Amino acid sequence: MPQNKQRSQYNIVIIKTFGRQIAVFGQAAQNLDHLFHPEHKLRRAINYINDNLTEDVSLEAIADAVGISMYYFVQLFKQSTGFTPYQYVLQCRVERA
């Protein structure tokens, strides 16, 4: 009997500890969730473009900086801004001149 009681107590401790770890990891995942939203990716792309206007800004470089494929980046950018990335870069350069 004593072994069963110890085993039960041990199981309870393990379950509680595991539950706390799930809660911690769940909160961490929620804190990082915004990084994967399209709005965040678009903001990162626009920041990258603005920071590199004097450079040769390629689709590949922007998509790499944002962490998505070039194809998805072009779709997301055009859908969100109404401009292609190339049109946006040109517009920014004209405004900056």
C-alpha atoms as a PDB file:
ATOM      1  CA  MET A   1       0.000   0.000   0.000  1.00  0.00           C
ATOM      2  CA  PRO A   2       2.660   2.614   0.873  1.00  0.00           C
ATOM      3  CA  GLN A   3       4.261   2.183  -2.542  1.00  0.00           C
ATOM      4  CA  ASN A   4       0.935   2.856  -4.267  1.00  0.00           C
ATOM      5  CA  LYS A   5       0.440   6.007  -2.198  1.00  0.00           C
ATOM      6  CA  GLN A   6       3.958   7.215  -3.066  1.00  0.00           C
ATOM      7  CA  ARG A   7       3.369   6.405  -6.716  1.00  0.00           C
ATOM      8  CA  SER A   8       0.095   8.350  -6.674  1.00  0.00           C
ATOM      9  CA  GLN A   9       1.760  11.358  -5.045  1.00  0.00           C
ATOM     10  CA  TYR A  10       4.583  11.157  -7.543  1.00  0.00           C
ATOM     11  CA  ASN A  11       2.084  11.040 -10.425  1.00  0.00           C
ATOM     12  CA  ILE A  12       0.279  14.076  -9.037  1.00  0.00           C
ATOM     13  CA  VAL A  13       3.547  16.030  -8.842  1.00  0.00           C
ATOM     14  CA  ILE A  14       4.428  15.036 -12.413  1.00  0.00           C
ATOM     15  CA  ILE A  15       0.978  16.027 -13.695  1.00  0.00           C
ATOM     16  CA  LYS A  16       1.091  19.400 -11.914  1.00  0.00           C
ATOM     17  CA  THR A  17       4.609  20.098 -13.187  1.00  0.00           C
ATOM     18  CA  PHE A  18       3.654  19.114 -16.709  1.00  0.00           C
ATOM     19  CA  GLY A  19       0.558  21.312 -16.479  1.00  0.00           C
ATOM     20  CA  ARG A  20       2.669  24.303 -15.434  1.00  0.00           C
ATOM     21  CA  GLN A  21       5.060  23.687 -18.336  1.00  0.00           C
ATOM     22  CA  ILE A  22       2.176  23.556 -20.801  1.00  0.00           C
ATOM     23  CA  ALA A  23       0.893  26.857 -19.416  1.00  0.00           C
ATOM     24  CA  VAL A  24       4.328  28.474 -19.747  1.00  0.00           C
ATOM     25  CA  PHE A  25       4.860  27.215 -23.289  1.00  0.00           C
ATOM     26  CA  GLY A  26       1.308  28.174 -24.232  1.00  0.00           C
ATOM     27  CA  GLN A  27       1.906  31.743 -23.044  1.00  0.00           C
ATOM     28  CA  ALA A  28       5.208  31.890 -24.920  1.00  0.00           C
ATOM     29  CA  ALA A  29       3.483  30.703 -28.089  1.00  0.00           C
ATOM     30  CA  GLN A  30       0.824  33.402 -27.677  1.00  0.00           C
ATOM     31  CA  ASN A  31       3.518  36.029 -27.232  1.00  0.00           C
ATOM     32  CA  LEU A  32       5.163  34.940 -30.501  1.00  0.00           C
ATOM     33  CA  ASP A  33       1.918  34.454 -32.429  1.00  0.00           C
ATOM     34  CA  HIS A  34       1.860  38.032 -33.747  1.00  0.00           C
ATOM     35  CA  LEU A  35       5.145  37.406 -35.575  1.00  0.00           C
ATOM     36  CA  PHE A  36       3.406  35.087 -37.999  1.00  0.00           C
ATOM     37  CA  HIS A  37       0.509  37.359 -38.937  1.00  0.00           C
ATOM     38  CA  PRO A  38       0.535  38.851 -42.457  1.00  0.00           C
ATOM     39  CA  GLU A  39       0.357  42.393 -41.036  1.00  0.00           C
ATOM     40  CA  HIS A  40       3.603  41.847 -39.149  1.00  0.00           C
ATOM     41  CA  LYS A  41       5.291  40.427 -42.222  1.00  0.00           C
ATOM     42  CA  LEU A  42       4.095  43.361 -44.316  1.00  0.00           C
ATOM     43  CA  ARG A  43       5.409  45.828 -41.719  1.00  0.00           C
ATOM     44  CA  ARG A  44       8.781  44.060 -41.719  1.00  0.00           C
ATOM     45  CA  ALA A  45       8.903  44.167 -45.528  1.00  0.00           C
ATOM     46  CA  ILE A  46       8.113  47.884 -45.653  1.00  0.00           C
ATOM     47  CA  ASN A  47      10.732  48.597 -42.993  1.00  0.00           C
ATOM     48  CA  TYR A  48      13.282  46.560 -44.943  1.00  0.00           C
ATOM     49  CA  ILE A  49      12.463  48.433 -48.165  1.00  0.00           C
ATOM     50  CA  ASN A  50      12.687  51.834 -46.474  1.00  0.00           C
ATOM     51  CA  ASP A  51      15.961  50.928 -44.773  1.00  0.00           C
ATOM     52  CA  ASN A  52      17.487  49.777 -48.075  1.00  0.00           C
ATOM     53  CA  LEU A  53      16.149  52.263 -50.642  1.00  0.00           C
ATOM     54  CA  THR A  54      19.632  53.340 -51.658  1.00  0.00           C
ATOM     55  CA  GLU A  55      20.583  49.704 -52.307  1.00  0.00           C
ATOM     56  CA  ASP A  56      19.515  47.322 -55.046  1.00  0.00           C
ATOM     57  CA  VAL A  57      16.378  45.910 -53.362  1.00  0.00           C
ATOM     58  CA  SER A  58      15.416  42.530 -54.823  1.00  0.00           C
ATOM     59  CA  LEU A  59      12.270  40.494 -54.258  1.00  0.00           C
ATOM     60  CA  GLU A  60      14.406  37.645 -53.005  1.00  0.00           C
ATOM     61  CA  ALA A  61      16.124  39.839 -50.409  1.00  0.00           C
ATOM     62  CA  ILE A  62      12.826  41.276 -49.127  1.00  0.00           C
ATOM     63  CA  ALA A  63      11.145  37.869 -48.969  1.00  0.00           C
ATOM     64  CA  ASP A  64      14.185  36.444 -47.144  1.00  0.00           C
ATOM     65  CA  ALA A  65      14.111  39.320 -44.646  1.00  0.00           C
ATOM     66  CA  VAL A  66      10.434  38.633 -43.985  1.00  0.00           C
ATOM     67  CA  GLY A  67      10.840  34.861 -43.943  1.00  0.00           C
ATOM     68  CA  ILE A  68       8.366  33.882 -46.668  1.00  0.00           C
ATOM     69  CA  SER A  69       8.556  32.755 -50.292  1.00  0.00           C
ATOM     70  CA  MET A  70       8.868  35.355 -53.035  1.00  0.00           C
ATOM     71  CA  TYR A  71       5.572  34.199 -54.544  1.00  0.00           C
ATOM     72  CA  TYR A  72       3.670  34.578 -51.276  1.00  0.00           C
ATOM     73  CA  PHE A  73       5.384  37.902 -50.555  1.00  0.00           C
ATOM     74  CA  VAL A  74       4.312  39.426 -53.887  1.00  0.00           C
ATOM     75  CA  GLN A  75       0.727  38.240 -53.365  1.00  0.00           C
ATOM     76  CA  LEU A  76       0.596  39.521 -49.788  1.00  0.00           C
ATOM     77  CA  PHE A  77       2.161  42.862 -50.679  1.00  0.00           C
ATOM     78  CA  LYS A  78      -0.067  43.522 -53.699  1.00  0.00           C
ATOM     79  CA  GLN A  79      -3.205  42.466 -51.821  1.00  0.00           C
ATOM     80  CA  SER A  80      -2.360  44.625 -48.805  1.00  0.00           C
ATOM     81  CA  THR A  81      -1.028  47.775 -50.475  1.00  0.00           C
ATOM     82  CA  GLY A  82      -2.487  47.750 -53.988  1.00  0.00           C
ATOM     83  CA  PHE A  83       1.048  48.076 -55.361  1.00  0.00           C
ATOM     84  CA  THR A  84       3.573  45.538 -56.522  1.00  0.00           C
ATOM     85  CA  PRO A  85       6.761  45.642 -54.473  1.00  0.00           C
ATOM     86  CA  TYR A  86       8.561  47.163 -57.472  1.00  0.00           C
ATOM     87  CA  GLN A  87       5.961  49.939 -57.779  1.00  0.00           C
ATOM     88  CA  TYR A  88       6.238  50.613 -54.056  1.00  0.00           C
ATOM     89  CA  VAL A  89      10.040  50.830 -54.174  1.00  0.00           C
ATOM     90  CA  LEU A  90       9.875  53.249 -57.118  1.00  0.00           C
ATOM     91  CA  GLN A  91       7.258  55.390 -55.354  1.00  0.00           C
ATOM     92  CA  CYS A  92       9.375  55.542 -52.190  1.00  0.00           C
ATOM     93  CA  ARG A  93      12.457  56.519 -54.170  1.00  0.00           C
ATOM     94  CA  VAL A  94      10.570  59.287 -55.981  1.00  0.00           C
ATOM     95  CA  GLU A  95       9.187  60.618 -52.684  1.00  0.00           C
ATOM     96  CA  ARG A  96      12.630  60.549 -51.101  1.00  0.00           C
ATOM     97  CA  ALA A  97      14.300  62.401 -54.010  1.00  0.00           C
END
